[in-house]
Amino acid sequence: MSALQHAITAYADADTPLEYQNPHESVKITGFWIFMATDMLLFGCLFATYLVLRTHTDGGPTAHHLFDIPGFTAETFILLTSSFTGGLSTLAMRLGKRKQVMAWLTLTILLGLAFIGLEVQEFAADVAIGATMQRSAFLSAFFTLVGTHGSHVSIGIVWMVLTFIQIARRGLNQKTARKLFIVNLYWHFLDVVWVFIFTIVYLSGVVM
């Protein structure tokens, strides 16, 4: 390869995000977009089921009686903030600032744990008053939808911890950059799903 070709390649790499510079890593990112499309179908089915069953309370607790406005508002604020800090970790990665990546990733993990903690408290409080999945079709649909999202968040937290360890050991390279980018993409997707849960499940539940 001539000196001119080397210079052109170096310039192209400088203008291409680190996670996209290796074609093999770029293909994996495309594959993850396809995976998220299938996950959208899963949540779409769960939302449709909830909308059909939300009035089927069988004389049991309704959404208006169960949902705690300060509680789900705090969950929303925490999760949206974690998406912002996750985005900052991606930005720091693009700038090659490893320490900042690890700091923002740590904060994102802690916020994710806080969100899960609040959700577990919410579920425990519901169960304590007899609002279990078996009580009504509404509660079955609610616990399935929100619980599925919560399990996704839990997986995302474990994934971020593993990504953090790999960056700490190997630094920022094309492979770890791709992993960080994908886990944050996944996290942003969960944020979007939560916005729909917040609107369709919680807000509509307290006003109807």
N, C-alpha and C. Protein backbone atom coordinates (compact mmCIF):
# COMPACT_ATOMS: atom_id res chain seq x y z
N MET A 1 0.85 -1.19 0.00
CA MET A 1 0.00 0.00 0.00
C MET A 1 0.89 1.25 0.00
N SER A 2 0.53 2.20 -0.86
CA SER A 2 1.34 3.40 -0.98
C SER A 2 1.15 4.30 0.22
N ALA A 3 2.03 5.31 0.34
CA ALA A 3 1.93 6.26 1.44
C ALA A 3 0.61 7.03 1.36
N LEU A 4 0.18 7.34 0.12
CA LEU A 4 -1.07 8.07 -0.06
C LEU A 4 -2.25 7.23 0.42
N GLN A 5 -2.26 5.92 0.10
CA GLN A 5 -3.34 5.04 0.53
C GLN A 5 -3.37 4.91 2.05
N HIS A 6 -2.17 4.84 2.67
CA HIS A 6 -2.10 4.81 4.14
C HIS A 6 -2.72 6.06 4.74
N ALA A 7 -2.43 7.20 4.13
CA ALA A 7 -2.94 8.47 4.65
C ALA A 7 -4.46 8.52 4.51
N ILE A 8 -4.99 8.03 3.38
CA ILE A 8 -6.44 8.02 3.16
C ILE A 8 -7.13 7.12 4.17
N THR A 9 -6.53 5.93 4.43
CA THR A 9 -7.10 4.98 5.39
C THR A 9 -7.10 5.56 6.80
N ALA A 10 -6.00 6.20 7.18
CA ALA A 10 -5.88 6.80 8.50
C ALA A 10 -6.92 7.90 8.68
N TYR A 11 -7.13 8.68 7.61
CA TYR A 11 -8.12 9.77 7.69
C TYR A 11 -9.53 9.21 7.84
N ALA A 12 -9.82 8.13 7.08
CA ALA A 12 -11.14 7.51 7.16
C ALA A 12 -11.39 6.94 8.56
N ASP A 13 -10.35 6.31 9.13
CA ASP A 13 -10.49 5.75 10.46
C ASP A 13 -10.72 6.83 11.50
N ALA A 14 -10.07 7.97 11.30
CA ALA A 14 -10.22 9.07 12.25
C ALA A 14 -11.64 9.62 12.24
N ASP A 15 -12.30 9.56 11.07
CA ASP A 15 -13.66 10.07 10.96
C ASP A 15 -14.72 9.03 11.28
N THR A 16 -14.31 7.78 11.46
CA THR A 16 -15.24 6.69 11.75
C THR A 16 -15.21 6.38 13.24
N PRO A 17 -16.37 6.29 13.89
CA PRO A 17 -16.39 5.92 15.32
C PRO A 17 -15.62 4.62 15.55
N LEU A 18 -14.98 4.53 16.69
CA LEU A 18 -14.11 3.39 16.99
C LEU A 18 -14.83 2.06 16.84
N GLU A 19 -16.09 2.00 17.28
CA GLU A 19 -16.81 0.72 17.24
C GLU A 19 -17.17 0.28 15.82
N TYR A 20 -17.08 1.20 14.85
CA TYR A 20 -17.41 0.86 13.46
C TYR A 20 -16.18 0.69 12.57
N GLN A 21 -14.98 0.86 13.11
CA GLN A 21 -13.78 0.82 12.28
C GLN A 21 -13.44 -0.59 11.79
N ASN A 22 -13.79 -1.60 12.59
CA ASN A 22 -13.57 -2.98 12.18
C ASN A 22 -14.85 -3.52 11.54
N PRO A 23 -14.81 -3.98 10.28
CA PRO A 23 -16.02 -4.46 9.61
C PRO A 23 -16.72 -5.59 10.36
N HIS A 24 -15.94 -6.47 11.01
CA HIS A 24 -16.54 -7.58 11.76
C HIS A 24 -17.33 -7.06 12.95
N GLU A 25 -16.80 -6.06 13.64
CA GLU A 25 -17.51 -5.48 14.78
C GLU A 25 -18.75 -4.71 14.29
N SER A 26 -18.63 -4.06 13.15
CA SER A 26 -19.75 -3.32 12.59
C SER A 26 -20.91 -4.24 12.24
N VAL A 27 -20.61 -5.41 11.71
CA VAL A 27 -21.66 -6.39 11.39
C VAL A 27 -22.38 -6.85 12.65
N LYS A 28 -21.63 -7.02 13.74
CA LYS A 28 -22.25 -7.43 15.01
C LYS A 28 -23.22 -6.36 15.51
N ILE A 29 -22.90 -5.10 15.29
CA ILE A 29 -23.81 -4.03 15.69
C ILE A 29 -25.09 -4.10 14.87
N THR A 30 -24.95 -4.36 13.57
CA THR A 30 -26.14 -4.52 12.72
C THR A 30 -26.99 -5.68 13.20
N GLY A 31 -26.33 -6.79 13.57
CA GLY A 31 -27.06 -7.94 14.10
C GLY A 31 -27.82 -7.61 15.36
N PHE A 32 -27.23 -6.74 16.19
CA PHE A 32 -27.92 -6.38 17.43
C PHE A 32 -29.16 -5.54 17.15
N TRP A 33 -29.10 -4.70 16.12
CA TRP A 33 -30.30 -3.95 15.73
C TRP A 33 -31.43 -4.90 15.36
N ILE A 34 -31.08 -5.99 14.68
CA ILE A 34 -32.09 -6.98 14.30
C ILE A 34 -32.66 -7.65 15.55
N PHE A 35 -31.78 -7.97 16.52
CA PHE A 35 -32.26 -8.55 17.77
C PHE A 35 -33.24 -7.62 18.47
N MET A 36 -32.93 -6.32 18.49
CA MET A 36 -33.81 -5.37 19.17
C MET A 36 -35.16 -5.28 18.48
N ALA A 37 -35.18 -5.47 17.15
CA ALA A 37 -36.44 -5.47 16.43
C ALA A 37 -37.33 -6.62 16.91
N THR A 38 -36.73 -7.78 17.16
CA THR A 38 -37.51 -8.92 17.66
C THR A 38 -37.98 -8.65 19.09
N ASP A 39 -37.16 -7.97 19.87
CA ASP A 39 -37.55 -7.64 21.24
C ASP A 39 -38.71 -6.63 21.24
N MET A 40 -38.73 -5.76 20.25
CA MET A 40 -39.85 -4.82 20.11
C MET A 40 -41.16 -5.58 19.88
N LEU A 41 -41.08 -6.66 19.10
CA LEU A 41 -42.28 -7.47 18.86
C LEU A 41 -42.77 -8.10 20.16
N LEU A 42 -41.81 -8.57 20.99
CA LEU A 42 -42.18 -9.15 22.28
C LEU A 42 -42.92 -8.14 23.14
N PHE A 43 -42.35 -6.96 23.28
CA PHE A 43 -42.99 -5.95 24.11
C PHE A 43 -44.29 -5.46 23.49
N GLY A 44 -44.34 -5.42 22.17
CA GLY A 44 -45.59 -5.04 21.50
C GLY A 44 -46.72 -5.98 21.86
N CYS A 45 -46.43 -7.29 21.89
CA CYS A 45 -47.45 -8.28 22.27
C CYS A 45 -47.86 -8.10 23.73
N LEU A 46 -46.90 -7.82 24.61
CA LEU A 46 -47.21 -7.63 26.03
C LEU A 46 -48.05 -6.38 26.26
N PHE A 47 -47.74 -5.31 25.53
CA PHE A 47 -48.54 -4.09 25.65
C PHE A 47 -49.96 -4.33 25.16
N ALA A 48 -50.10 -5.03 24.04
CA ALA A 48 -51.43 -5.32 23.49
C ALA A 48 -52.24 -6.15 24.48
N THR A 49 -51.59 -7.15 25.09
CA THR A 49 -52.27 -7.99 26.07
C THR A 49 -52.72 -7.16 27.27
N TYR A 50 -51.84 -6.27 27.73
CA TYR A 50 -52.20 -5.44 28.88
C TYR A 50 -53.39 -4.54 28.57
N LEU A 51 -53.40 -3.94 27.38
CA LEU A 51 -54.49 -3.04 27.03
C LEU A 51 -55.83 -3.77 26.97
N VAL A 52 -55.79 -5.04 26.58
CA VAL A 52 -57.02 -5.82 26.53
C VAL A 52 -57.49 -6.20 27.93
N LEU A 53 -56.54 -6.50 28.82
CA LEU A 53 -56.89 -7.07 30.13
C LEU A 53 -56.89 -6.07 31.29
N ARG A 54 -56.55 -4.83 31.04
CA ARG A 54 -56.37 -3.90 32.16
C ARG A 54 -57.66 -3.62 32.92
N THR A 55 -58.83 -3.85 32.31
CA THR A 55 -60.09 -3.64 33.01
C THR A 55 -60.64 -4.92 33.63
N HIS A 56 -59.94 -6.03 33.43
CA HIS A 56 -60.41 -7.32 33.94
C HIS A 56 -59.84 -7.54 35.35
N THR A 57 -60.39 -6.83 36.30
CA THR A 57 -59.87 -6.88 37.67
C THR A 57 -60.56 -7.92 38.54
N ASP A 58 -61.69 -8.45 38.09
CA ASP A 58 -62.41 -9.49 38.84
C ASP A 58 -62.73 -9.05 40.27
N GLY A 59 -63.04 -7.78 40.42
CA GLY A 59 -63.38 -7.26 41.75
C GLY A 59 -62.18 -7.02 42.66
N GLY A 60 -60.97 -7.22 42.14
CA GLY A 60 -59.76 -7.02 42.93
C GLY A 60 -59.22 -5.61 42.79
N PRO A 61 -58.00 -5.39 43.27
CA PRO A 61 -57.40 -4.05 43.19
C PRO A 61 -57.29 -3.57 41.74
N THR A 62 -57.52 -2.30 41.54
CA THR A 62 -57.39 -1.70 40.21
C THR A 62 -56.09 -0.91 40.13
N ALA A 63 -55.77 -0.48 38.93
CA ALA A 63 -54.56 0.33 38.74
C ALA A 63 -54.62 1.60 39.56
N HIS A 64 -55.79 2.21 39.64
CA HIS A 64 -55.95 3.47 40.38
C HIS A 64 -55.62 3.27 41.87
N HIS A 65 -55.95 2.12 42.41
CA HIS A 65 -55.69 1.85 43.83
C HIS A 65 -54.25 1.44 44.09
N LEU A 66 -53.62 0.79 43.12
CA LEU A 66 -52.29 0.22 43.35
C LEU A 66 -51.14 1.17 43.05
N PHE A 67 -51.26 1.92 41.98
CA PHE A 67 -50.10 2.67 41.49
C PHE A 67 -49.80 3.88 42.37
N ASP A 68 -48.54 3.97 42.77
CA ASP A 68 -48.06 5.05 43.64
C ASP A 68 -47.35 6.08 42.78
N ILE A 69 -47.94 7.27 42.68
CA ILE A 69 -47.39 8.29 41.77
C ILE A 69 -45.95 8.67 42.11
N PRO A 70 -45.61 8.97 43.37
CA PRO A 70 -44.19 9.29 43.67
C PRO A 70 -43.25 8.13 43.33
N GLY A 71 -43.73 6.89 43.53
CA GLY A 71 -42.89 5.74 43.28
C GLY A 71 -42.54 5.57 41.82
N PHE A 72 -43.56 5.53 40.93
CA PHE A 72 -43.23 5.32 39.51
C PHE A 72 -42.63 6.57 38.86
N THR A 73 -42.87 7.74 39.47
CA THR A 73 -42.20 8.95 38.98
C THR A 73 -40.70 8.88 39.29
N ALA A 74 -40.37 8.43 40.49
CA ALA A 74 -38.96 8.29 40.87
C ALA A 74 -38.27 7.25 39.98
N GLU A 75 -38.95 6.13 39.71
CA GLU A 75 -38.38 5.11 38.82
C GLU A 75 -38.08 5.70 37.44
N THR A 76 -39.02 6.50 36.94
CA THR A 76 -38.86 7.10 35.61
C THR A 76 -37.67 8.06 35.60
N PHE A 77 -37.59 8.91 36.61
CA PHE A 77 -36.49 9.88 36.67
C PHE A 77 -35.14 9.16 36.73
N ILE A 78 -35.06 8.12 37.54
CA ILE A 78 -33.80 7.38 37.70
C ILE A 78 -33.40 6.71 36.39
N LEU A 79 -34.36 6.06 35.73
CA LEU A 79 -34.02 5.33 34.51
C LEU A 79 -33.64 6.28 33.38
N LEU A 80 -34.36 7.39 33.25
CA LEU A 80 -34.02 8.37 32.21
C LEU A 80 -32.66 8.99 32.47
N THR A 81 -32.35 9.24 33.73
CA THR A 81 -31.03 9.78 34.07
C THR A 81 -29.94 8.77 33.74
N SER A 82 -30.20 7.49 34.00
CA SER A 82 -29.20 6.46 33.69
C SER A 82 -28.94 6.36 32.19
N SER A 83 -29.97 6.61 31.39
CA SER A 83 -29.77 6.61 29.94
C SER A 83 -28.85 7.75 29.52
N PHE A 84 -29.01 8.90 30.20
CA PHE A 84 -28.16 10.06 29.91
C PHE A 84 -26.70 9.76 30.28
N THR A 85 -26.49 9.18 31.46
CA THR A 85 -25.11 8.87 31.87
C THR A 85 -24.51 7.78 30.98
N GLY A 86 -25.36 6.84 30.53
CA GLY A 86 -24.86 5.84 29.60
C GLY A 86 -24.41 6.47 28.29
N GLY A 87 -25.19 7.45 27.83
CA GLY A 87 -24.80 8.17 26.62
C GLY A 87 -23.49 8.93 26.80
N LEU A 88 -23.27 9.46 28.00
CA LEU A 88 -22.01 10.16 28.28
C LEU A 88 -20.82 9.19 28.26
N SER A 89 -21.06 7.94 28.68
CA SER A 89 -19.97 6.96 28.62
C SER A 89 -19.60 6.65 27.16
N THR A 90 -20.60 6.62 26.28
CA THR A 90 -20.32 6.42 24.86
C THR A 90 -19.55 7.62 24.30
N LEU A 91 -19.95 8.82 24.68
CA LEU A 91 -19.25 10.02 24.23
C LEU A 91 -17.80 10.01 24.70
N ALA A 92 -17.58 9.64 25.96
CA ALA A 92 -16.21 9.57 26.50
C ALA A 92 -15.39 8.52 25.75
N MET A 93 -16.05 7.42 25.37
CA MET A 93 -15.36 6.39 24.60
C MET A 93 -14.92 6.93 23.24
N ARG A 94 -15.80 7.70 22.60
CA ARG A 94 -15.46 8.29 21.30
C ARG A 94 -14.29 9.26 21.42
N LEU A 95 -14.15 9.87 22.59
CA LEU A 95 -13.04 10.81 22.82
C LEU A 95 -11.78 10.12 23.34
N GLY A 96 -11.88 8.80 23.56
CA GLY A 96 -10.73 8.04 24.04
C GLY A 96 -10.41 8.24 25.50
N LYS A 97 -11.39 8.65 26.30
CA LYS A 97 -11.16 8.93 27.72
C LYS A 97 -11.65 7.75 28.56
N ARG A 98 -10.75 6.82 28.78
CA ARG A 98 -11.11 5.56 29.46
C ARG A 98 -11.63 5.78 30.88
N LYS A 99 -10.97 6.62 31.66
CA LYS A 99 -11.39 6.84 33.03
C LYS A 99 -12.81 7.42 33.10
N GLN A 100 -13.11 8.33 32.19
CA GLN A 100 -14.45 8.90 32.16
C GLN A 100 -15.48 7.85 31.76
N VAL A 101 -15.10 6.99 30.82
CA VAL A 101 -15.99 5.90 30.42
C VAL A 101 -16.36 5.05 31.64
N MET A 102 -15.37 4.68 32.41
CA MET A 102 -15.59 3.81 33.57
C MET A 102 -16.40 4.54 34.65
N ALA A 103 -16.16 5.84 34.81
CA ALA A 103 -16.91 6.61 35.81
C ALA A 103 -18.38 6.70 35.43
N TRP A 104 -18.66 7.05 34.17
CA TRP A 104 -20.05 7.17 33.73
C TRP A 104 -20.75 5.81 33.72
N LEU A 105 -20.00 4.77 33.37
CA LEU A 105 -20.59 3.43 33.37
C LEU A 105 -20.94 2.99 34.79
N THR A 106 -20.07 3.32 35.73
CA THR A 106 -20.34 2.99 37.14
C THR A 106 -21.61 3.69 37.63
N LEU A 107 -21.75 4.96 37.29
CA LEU A 107 -22.94 5.72 37.70
C LEU A 107 -24.20 5.13 37.06
N THR A 108 -24.08 4.73 35.80
CA THR A 108 -25.22 4.12 35.11
C THR A 108 -25.64 2.82 35.79
N ILE A 109 -24.67 2.02 36.18
CA ILE A 109 -24.95 0.76 36.88
C ILE A 109 -25.65 1.02 38.21
N LEU A 110 -25.16 2.00 38.96
CA LEU A 110 -25.76 2.32 40.26
C LEU A 110 -27.21 2.81 40.11
N LEU A 111 -27.45 3.62 39.09
CA LEU A 111 -28.81 4.09 38.84
C LEU A 111 -29.72 2.93 38.43
N GLY A 112 -29.17 2.02 37.64
CA GLY A 112 -29.95 0.84 37.26
C GLY A 112 -30.32 0.00 38.47
N LEU A 113 -29.38 -0.16 39.39
CA LEU A 113 -29.66 -0.91 40.62
C LEU A 113 -30.72 -0.20 41.47
N ALA A 114 -30.66 1.12 41.51
CA ALA A 114 -31.67 1.89 42.26
C ALA A 114 -33.05 1.69 41.64
N PHE A 115 -33.11 1.67 40.32
CA PHE A 115 -34.39 1.45 39.65
C PHE A 115 -34.96 0.07 40.00
N ILE A 116 -34.11 -0.96 39.91
CA ILE A 116 -34.56 -2.31 40.23
C ILE A 116 -35.00 -2.40 41.69
N GLY A 117 -34.27 -1.72 42.58
CA GLY A 117 -34.63 -1.72 43.99
C GLY A 117 -36.02 -1.16 44.22
N LEU A 118 -36.34 -0.05 43.54
CA LEU A 118 -37.67 0.56 43.68
C LEU A 118 -38.75 -0.35 43.09
N GLU A 119 -38.43 -0.99 41.99
CA GLU A 119 -39.42 -1.87 41.37
C GLU A 119 -39.70 -3.09 42.24
N VAL A 120 -38.67 -3.65 42.85
CA VAL A 120 -38.86 -4.78 43.75
C VAL A 120 -39.72 -4.36 44.94
N GLN A 121 -39.46 -3.17 45.48
CA GLN A 121 -40.27 -2.66 46.59
C GLN A 121 -41.74 -2.51 46.17
N GLU A 122 -41.95 -2.01 44.97
CA GLU A 122 -43.32 -1.84 44.46
C GLU A 122 -44.02 -3.20 44.36
N PHE A 123 -43.35 -4.18 43.78
CA PHE A 123 -43.96 -5.50 43.63
C PHE A 123 -44.23 -6.13 45.00
N ALA A 124 -43.29 -5.97 45.93
CA ALA A 124 -43.45 -6.55 47.27
C ALA A 124 -44.64 -5.92 47.99
N ALA A 125 -44.81 -4.60 47.84
CA ALA A 125 -45.94 -3.91 48.47
C ALA A 125 -47.26 -4.38 47.89
N ASP A 126 -47.29 -4.62 46.58
CA ASP A 126 -48.51 -5.11 45.94
C ASP A 126 -48.86 -6.51 46.45
N VAL A 127 -47.86 -7.37 46.49
CA VAL A 127 -48.09 -8.75 46.94
C VAL A 127 -48.54 -8.78 48.39
N ALA A 128 -48.01 -7.86 49.20
CA ALA A 128 -48.34 -7.82 50.63
C ALA A 128 -49.83 -7.56 50.88
N ILE A 129 -50.47 -6.88 49.93
CA ILE A 129 -51.91 -6.60 50.10
C ILE A 129 -52.76 -7.56 49.27
N GLY A 130 -52.13 -8.61 48.77
CA GLY A 130 -52.88 -9.62 48.03
C GLY A 130 -52.99 -9.38 46.54
N ALA A 131 -52.31 -8.37 46.02
CA ALA A 131 -52.36 -8.07 44.58
C ALA A 131 -51.28 -8.90 43.87
N THR A 132 -51.55 -10.18 43.70
CA THR A 132 -50.61 -11.09 43.05
C THR A 132 -51.04 -11.36 41.61
N MET A 133 -50.19 -12.04 40.87
CA MET A 133 -50.51 -12.36 39.48
C MET A 133 -51.77 -13.21 39.37
N GLN A 134 -52.01 -14.06 40.38
CA GLN A 134 -53.15 -14.97 40.32
C GLN A 134 -54.48 -14.28 40.63
N ARG A 135 -54.43 -13.06 41.15
CA ARG A 135 -55.66 -12.39 41.61
C ARG A 135 -56.59 -12.01 40.47
N SER A 136 -56.03 -11.54 39.36
CA SER A 136 -56.88 -11.12 38.24
C SER A 136 -56.07 -11.11 36.95
N ALA A 137 -56.79 -11.04 35.83
CA ALA A 137 -56.12 -10.96 34.53
C ALA A 137 -55.33 -9.65 34.41
N PHE A 138 -55.89 -8.57 34.97
CA PHE A 138 -55.19 -7.29 34.96
C PHE A 138 -53.83 -7.40 35.64
N LEU A 139 -53.78 -8.02 36.82
CA LEU A 139 -52.52 -8.13 37.55
C LEU A 139 -51.56 -9.09 36.84
N SER A 140 -52.09 -10.13 36.21
CA SER A 140 -51.22 -11.03 35.44
C SER A 140 -50.53 -10.27 34.31
N ALA A 141 -51.32 -9.46 33.59
CA ALA A 141 -50.77 -8.69 32.48
C ALA A 141 -49.79 -7.64 32.97
N PHE A 142 -50.12 -6.99 34.10
CA PHE A 142 -49.25 -5.95 34.66
C PHE A 142 -47.90 -6.52 35.09
N PHE A 143 -47.94 -7.57 35.91
CA PHE A 143 -46.69 -8.15 36.40
C PHE A 143 -45.85 -8.73 35.26
N THR A 144 -46.50 -9.29 34.25
CA THR A 144 -45.76 -9.86 33.12
C THR A 144 -45.06 -8.78 32.32
N LEU A 145 -45.78 -7.70 32.01
CA LEU A 145 -45.20 -6.62 31.22
C LEU A 145 -44.08 -5.90 31.97
N VAL A 146 -44.40 -5.41 33.17
CA VAL A 146 -43.40 -4.65 33.93
C VAL A 146 -42.27 -5.55 34.41
N GLY A 147 -42.60 -6.80 34.76
CA GLY A 147 -41.56 -7.74 35.18
C GLY A 147 -40.62 -8.11 34.06
N THR A 148 -41.15 -8.24 32.84
CA THR A 148 -40.29 -8.54 31.69
C THR A 148 -39.31 -7.39 31.45
N HIS A 149 -39.83 -6.17 31.55
CA HIS A 149 -38.93 -5.01 31.41
C HIS A 149 -37.88 -5.00 32.53
N GLY A 150 -38.31 -5.30 33.76
CA GLY A 150 -37.37 -5.32 34.88
C GLY A 150 -36.30 -6.38 34.70
N SER A 151 -36.68 -7.54 34.16
CA SER A 151 -35.67 -8.59 33.92
C SER A 151 -34.68 -8.16 32.85
N HIS A 152 -35.17 -7.42 31.85
CA HIS A 152 -34.27 -6.88 30.83
C HIS A 152 -33.28 -5.89 31.45
N VAL A 153 -33.78 -5.04 32.36
CA VAL A 153 -32.90 -4.09 33.03
C VAL A 153 -31.85 -4.82 33.85
N SER A 154 -32.26 -5.87 34.54
CA SER A 154 -31.31 -6.66 35.35
C SER A 154 -30.22 -7.26 34.47
N ILE A 155 -30.62 -7.80 33.31
CA ILE A 155 -29.64 -8.34 32.37
C ILE A 155 -28.69 -7.23 31.90
N GLY A 156 -29.26 -6.05 31.64
CA GLY A 156 -28.44 -4.92 31.20
C GLY A 156 -27.41 -4.51 32.24
N ILE A 157 -27.79 -4.58 33.51
CA ILE A 157 -26.85 -4.23 34.59
C ILE A 157 -25.69 -5.21 34.63
N VAL A 158 -26.00 -6.50 34.56
CA VAL A 158 -24.94 -7.52 34.55
C VAL A 158 -24.05 -7.33 33.33
N TRP A 159 -24.65 -7.05 32.20
CA TRP A 159 -23.92 -6.82 30.96
C TRP A 159 -22.97 -5.63 31.11
N MET A 160 -23.45 -4.54 31.72
CA MET A 160 -22.60 -3.37 31.92
C MET A 160 -21.43 -3.67 32.85
N VAL A 161 -21.69 -4.45 33.89
CA VAL A 161 -20.60 -4.82 34.81
C VAL A 161 -19.52 -5.60 34.07
N LEU A 162 -19.92 -6.55 33.23
CA LEU A 162 -18.96 -7.34 32.46
C LEU A 162 -18.20 -6.46 31.47
N THR A 163 -18.91 -5.51 30.86
CA THR A 163 -18.25 -4.58 29.93
C THR A 163 -17.25 -3.70 30.67
N PHE A 164 -17.64 -3.25 31.86
CA PHE A 164 -16.75 -2.44 32.69
C PHE A 164 -15.46 -3.21 32.98
N ILE A 165 -15.58 -4.48 33.35
CA ILE A 165 -14.40 -5.30 33.67
C ILE A 165 -13.50 -5.44 32.45
N GLN A 166 -14.10 -5.65 31.28
CA GLN A 166 -13.29 -5.83 30.07
C GLN A 166 -12.56 -4.54 29.70
N ILE A 167 -13.24 -3.40 29.85
CA ILE A 167 -12.57 -2.12 29.56
C ILE A 167 -11.45 -1.87 30.56
N ALA A 168 -11.67 -2.22 31.83
CA ALA A 168 -10.65 -2.04 32.85
C ALA A 168 -9.41 -2.89 32.55
N ARG A 169 -9.62 -4.07 32.01
CA ARG A 169 -8.51 -4.98 31.74
C ARG A 169 -7.83 -4.72 30.39
N ARG A 170 -8.64 -4.42 29.38
CA ARG A 170 -8.10 -4.35 28.01
C ARG A 170 -8.04 -2.94 27.43
N GLY A 171 -8.65 -1.99 28.13
CA GLY A 171 -8.66 -0.64 27.61
C GLY A 171 -9.70 -0.46 26.52
N LEU A 172 -9.62 0.67 25.83
CA LEU A 172 -10.56 0.97 24.74
C LEU A 172 -9.95 0.54 23.42
N ASN A 173 -10.58 -0.41 22.79
CA ASN A 173 -10.18 -0.83 21.45
C ASN A 173 -11.45 -1.07 20.64
N GLN A 174 -11.29 -1.52 19.41
CA GLN A 174 -12.46 -1.69 18.55
C GLN A 174 -13.47 -2.67 19.14
N LYS A 175 -12.99 -3.72 19.80
CA LYS A 175 -13.88 -4.74 20.34
C LYS A 175 -14.62 -4.24 21.59
N THR A 176 -13.89 -3.66 22.54
CA THR A 176 -14.55 -3.17 23.75
C THR A 176 -15.44 -1.97 23.44
N ALA A 177 -15.04 -1.18 22.44
CA ALA A 177 -15.88 -0.05 22.03
C ALA A 177 -17.20 -0.55 21.47
N ARG A 178 -17.15 -1.61 20.68
CA ARG A 178 -18.38 -2.18 20.14
C ARG A 178 -19.28 -2.71 21.26
N LYS A 179 -18.68 -3.36 22.25
CA LYS A 179 -19.47 -3.90 23.36
C LYS A 179 -20.11 -2.79 24.17
N LEU A 180 -19.36 -1.71 24.42
CA LEU A 180 -19.92 -0.58 25.16
C LEU A 180 -21.05 0.08 24.38
N PHE A 181 -20.84 0.24 23.09
CA PHE A 181 -21.86 0.88 22.26
C PHE A 181 -23.15 0.06 22.25
N ILE A 182 -23.02 -1.26 22.13
CA ILE A 182 -24.19 -2.13 22.06
C ILE A 182 -24.94 -2.14 23.38
N VAL A 183 -24.23 -2.24 24.51
CA VAL A 183 -24.93 -2.29 25.79
C VAL A 183 -25.66 -0.98 26.06
N ASN A 184 -25.09 0.14 25.63
CA ASN A 184 -25.78 1.41 25.80
C ASN A 184 -26.96 1.53 24.84
N LEU A 185 -26.83 0.96 23.65
CA LEU A 185 -27.94 0.92 22.72
C LEU A 185 -29.10 0.13 23.33
N TYR A 186 -28.78 -0.99 23.93
CA TYR A 186 -29.77 -1.82 24.62
C TYR A 186 -30.42 -1.05 25.77
N TRP A 187 -29.61 -0.30 26.51
CA TRP A 187 -30.12 0.47 27.64
C TRP A 187 -31.07 1.58 27.18
N HIS A 188 -30.72 2.25 26.08
CA HIS A 188 -31.61 3.29 25.54
C HIS A 188 -32.93 2.68 25.08
N PHE A 189 -32.86 1.48 24.50
CA PHE A 189 -34.08 0.79 24.08
C PHE A 189 -34.99 0.53 25.28
N LEU A 190 -34.41 0.10 26.40
CA LEU A 190 -35.20 -0.16 27.60
C LEU A 190 -35.81 1.13 28.13
N ASP A 191 -35.11 2.24 27.95
CA ASP A 191 -35.65 3.53 28.35
C ASP A 191 -36.90 3.88 27.53
N VAL A 192 -36.83 3.63 26.22
CA VAL A 192 -37.96 3.91 25.35
C VAL A 192 -39.16 3.05 25.76
N VAL A 193 -38.89 1.75 26.03
CA VAL A 193 -39.96 0.86 26.48
C VAL A 193 -40.58 1.38 27.78
N TRP A 194 -39.73 1.85 28.69
CA TRP A 194 -40.25 2.35 29.97
C TRP A 194 -41.12 3.58 29.78
N VAL A 195 -40.78 4.44 28.83
CA VAL A 195 -41.61 5.62 28.57
C VAL A 195 -43.03 5.17 28.19
N PHE A 196 -43.13 4.11 27.39
CA PHE A 196 -44.45 3.58 27.04
C PHE A 196 -45.14 2.97 28.26
N ILE A 197 -44.37 2.27 29.10
CA ILE A 197 -44.95 1.71 30.33
C ILE A 197 -45.45 2.83 31.24
N PHE A 198 -44.63 3.85 31.39
CA PHE A 198 -45.00 5.00 32.22
C PHE A 198 -46.30 5.64 31.74
N THR A 199 -46.42 5.75 30.41
CA THR A 199 -47.59 6.42 29.84
C THR A 199 -48.81 5.52 29.80
N ILE A 200 -48.65 4.33 29.22
CA ILE A 200 -49.79 3.44 28.97
C ILE A 200 -50.26 2.74 30.25
N VAL A 201 -49.31 2.33 31.09
CA VAL A 201 -49.66 1.57 32.29
C VAL A 201 -49.92 2.50 33.47
N TYR A 202 -48.91 3.27 33.85
CA TYR A 202 -49.01 4.03 35.10
C TYR A 202 -49.88 5.29 34.98
N LEU A 203 -49.56 6.16 34.03
CA LEU A 203 -50.33 7.41 33.94
C LEU A 203 -51.79 7.15 33.62
N SER A 204 -52.03 6.31 32.62
CA SER A 204 -53.43 6.00 32.29
C SER A 204 -54.12 5.30 33.44
N GLY A 205 -53.36 4.53 34.21
CA GLY A 205 -53.94 3.79 35.34
C GLY A 205 -54.42 4.69 36.45
N VAL A 206 -53.69 5.78 36.71
CA VAL A 206 -54.07 6.66 37.83
C VAL A 206 -55.14 7.68 37.42
N VAL A 207 -55.33 7.91 36.13
CA VAL A 207 -56.31 8.91 35.71
C VAL A 207 -57.63 8.28 35.27
N MET A 208 -57.62 6.98 35.01
CA MET A 208 -58.85 6.33 34.53
C MET A 208 -59.63 5.72 35.69
